[in-house]
Amino acid sequence: MDSIRKGLRSGDIEKDTYERLTCSSCGDELGTKNDPDEIGIVRHCPGCGEQWRKIG
């Protein structure tokens, strides 16, 4: 699982004009999984199942 910053640099994730994150491969807006036992937030694509981690 890559970080959101790495996903943006590699082109896997795109930001629109309202700073919403979308998956480049399927065009869906990323959802959020917030597990209290883990550090950070996991953003996931409901269409293809890819996941990215936001730390901080």
N, C-alpha and C. Protein backbone atom coordinates (compact mmCIF):
# COMPACT_ATOMS: atom_id res chain seq x y z
N MET A 1 0.84 -1.16 0.00
CA MET A 1 0.00 0.00 0.00
C MET A 1 0.90 1.24 0.00
N ASP A 2 0.73 2.07 -1.00
CA ASP A 2 1.51 3.29 -1.12
C ASP A 2 0.84 4.42 -0.34
N SER A 3 1.59 5.50 -0.17
CA SER A 3 1.02 6.69 0.45
C SER A 3 0.24 7.50 -0.61
N ILE A 4 -0.60 8.39 -0.14
CA ILE A 4 -1.37 9.23 -1.06
C ILE A 4 -0.44 10.13 -1.86
N ARG A 5 0.59 10.65 -1.22
CA ARG A 5 1.55 11.53 -1.90
C ARG A 5 2.26 10.79 -3.04
N LYS A 6 2.65 9.53 -2.78
CA LYS A 6 3.31 8.73 -3.81
C LYS A 6 2.34 8.40 -4.95
N GLY A 7 1.07 8.15 -4.61
CA GLY A 7 0.06 7.89 -5.63
C GLY A 7 -0.19 9.10 -6.52
N LEU A 8 -0.16 10.29 -5.94
CA LEU A 8 -0.33 11.51 -6.74
C LEU A 8 0.85 11.72 -7.68
N ARG A 9 2.07 11.48 -7.17
CA ARG A 9 3.27 11.67 -8.01
C ARG A 9 3.32 10.66 -9.16
N SER A 10 2.89 9.43 -8.91
CA SER A 10 2.97 8.40 -9.95
C SER A 10 1.80 8.46 -10.93
N GLY A 11 0.76 9.23 -10.60
CA GLY A 11 -0.37 9.37 -11.50
C GLY A 11 -1.50 8.40 -11.24
N ASP A 12 -1.42 7.62 -10.14
CA ASP A 12 -2.49 6.69 -9.80
C ASP A 12 -3.70 7.41 -9.23
N ILE A 13 -3.48 8.57 -8.62
CA ILE A 13 -4.54 9.38 -8.02
C ILE A 13 -4.49 10.77 -8.65
N GLU A 14 -5.67 11.37 -8.84
CA GLU A 14 -5.75 12.73 -9.35
C GLU A 14 -6.59 13.57 -8.40
N LYS A 15 -6.33 14.88 -8.39
CA LYS A 15 -7.15 15.82 -7.63
C LYS A 15 -7.96 16.65 -8.60
N ASP A 16 -9.23 16.91 -8.26
CA ASP A 16 -10.03 17.78 -9.10
C ASP A 16 -9.94 19.22 -8.58
N THR A 17 -10.74 20.11 -9.11
CA THR A 17 -10.66 21.52 -8.74
C THR A 17 -11.08 21.78 -7.31
N TYR A 18 -11.83 20.86 -6.71
CA TYR A 18 -12.26 21.00 -5.32
C TYR A 18 -11.41 20.18 -4.36
N GLU A 19 -10.22 19.75 -4.81
CA GLU A 19 -9.26 18.98 -4.01
C GLU A 19 -9.77 17.60 -3.61
N ARG A 20 -10.77 17.06 -4.33
CA ARG A 20 -11.23 15.69 -4.08
C ARG A 20 -10.30 14.73 -4.79
N LEU A 21 -10.02 13.60 -4.16
CA LEU A 21 -9.13 12.60 -4.73
C LEU A 21 -9.94 11.59 -5.52
N THR A 22 -9.49 11.31 -6.76
CA THR A 22 -10.15 10.32 -7.60
C THR A 22 -9.11 9.33 -8.12
N CYS A 23 -9.54 8.12 -8.37
CA CYS A 23 -8.69 7.06 -8.91
C CYS A 23 -8.51 7.31 -10.42
N SER A 24 -7.28 7.26 -10.89
CA SER A 24 -7.01 7.50 -12.31
C SER A 24 -7.48 6.36 -13.20
N SER A 25 -7.43 5.13 -12.70
CA SER A 25 -7.76 3.99 -13.56
C SER A 25 -9.26 3.84 -13.79
N CYS A 26 -10.10 4.12 -12.78
CA CYS A 26 -11.53 3.93 -12.99
C CYS A 26 -12.34 5.22 -12.84
N GLY A 27 -11.75 6.30 -12.31
CA GLY A 27 -12.44 7.59 -12.24
C GLY A 27 -13.36 7.76 -11.05
N ASP A 28 -13.37 6.81 -10.11
CA ASP A 28 -14.22 6.92 -8.93
C ASP A 28 -13.57 7.78 -7.86
N GLU A 29 -14.40 8.46 -7.06
CA GLU A 29 -13.90 9.25 -5.94
C GLU A 29 -13.50 8.29 -4.81
N LEU A 30 -12.39 8.59 -4.14
CA LEU A 30 -11.88 7.71 -3.11
C LEU A 30 -12.71 7.81 -1.83
N GLY A 31 -12.94 6.67 -1.21
CA GLY A 31 -13.62 6.61 0.08
C GLY A 31 -12.60 6.56 1.20
N THR A 32 -13.07 6.61 2.45
CA THR A 32 -12.18 6.64 3.61
C THR A 32 -12.50 5.49 4.54
N LYS A 33 -11.44 4.79 4.97
CA LYS A 33 -11.55 3.78 6.02
C LYS A 33 -10.75 4.30 7.20
N ASN A 34 -11.39 4.49 8.34
CA ASN A 34 -10.73 5.04 9.50
C ASN A 34 -10.73 4.00 10.61
N ASP A 35 -9.64 3.21 10.70
CA ASP A 35 -9.52 2.17 11.71
C ASP A 35 -8.84 2.77 12.94
N PRO A 36 -9.48 2.76 14.12
CA PRO A 36 -8.87 3.38 15.30
C PRO A 36 -7.63 2.65 15.81
N ASP A 37 -7.43 1.39 15.42
CA ASP A 37 -6.26 0.64 15.87
C ASP A 37 -5.02 0.90 15.04
N GLU A 38 -5.15 1.55 13.89
CA GLU A 38 -4.01 1.82 13.02
C GLU A 38 -3.69 3.31 12.99
N ILE A 39 -2.46 3.62 12.66
CA ILE A 39 -2.03 5.01 12.54
C ILE A 39 -2.34 5.49 11.13
N GLY A 40 -2.96 6.65 11.02
CA GLY A 40 -3.27 7.22 9.72
C GLY A 40 -4.64 6.84 9.23
N ILE A 41 -4.94 7.30 8.03
CA ILE A 41 -6.23 7.07 7.38
C ILE A 41 -5.98 6.31 6.09
N VAL A 42 -6.82 5.36 5.78
CA VAL A 42 -6.70 4.60 4.54
C VAL A 42 -7.76 5.08 3.57
N ARG A 43 -7.34 5.53 2.39
CA ARG A 43 -8.25 5.93 1.33
C ARG A 43 -8.33 4.80 0.33
N HIS A 44 -9.54 4.46 -0.12
CA HIS A 44 -9.70 3.31 -1.01
C HIS A 44 -10.62 3.67 -2.17
N CYS A 45 -10.42 2.97 -3.27
CA CYS A 45 -11.26 3.15 -4.46
C CYS A 45 -12.33 2.06 -4.43
N PRO A 46 -13.60 2.44 -4.43
CA PRO A 46 -14.65 1.43 -4.42
C PRO A 46 -14.76 0.64 -5.73
N GLY A 47 -14.26 1.20 -6.82
CA GLY A 47 -14.35 0.53 -8.11
C GLY A 47 -13.33 -0.58 -8.31
N CYS A 48 -12.05 -0.27 -8.07
CA CYS A 48 -11.01 -1.25 -8.36
C CYS A 48 -10.38 -1.85 -7.11
N GLY A 49 -10.64 -1.28 -5.93
CA GLY A 49 -10.13 -1.85 -4.69
C GLY A 49 -8.74 -1.41 -4.28
N GLU A 50 -8.11 -0.52 -5.01
CA GLU A 50 -6.78 -0.01 -4.64
C GLU A 50 -6.88 0.78 -3.33
N GLN A 51 -5.77 0.79 -2.57
CA GLN A 51 -5.75 1.51 -1.30
C GLN A 51 -4.49 2.35 -1.18
N TRP A 52 -4.64 3.50 -0.52
CA TRP A 52 -3.52 4.40 -0.24
C TRP A 52 -3.62 4.86 1.20
N ARG A 53 -2.49 5.09 1.84
CA ARG A 53 -2.47 5.49 3.24
C ARG A 53 -2.08 6.96 3.37
N LYS A 54 -2.82 7.67 4.24
CA LYS A 54 -2.49 9.05 4.59
C LYS A 54 -2.03 9.07 6.03
N ILE A 55 -0.79 9.47 6.23
CA ILE A 55 -0.23 9.52 7.59
C ILE A 55 -0.07 10.99 7.95
N GLY A 56 -0.56 11.34 9.13
CA GLY A 56 -0.37 12.71 9.60
C GLY A 56 -1.54 13.53 9.65
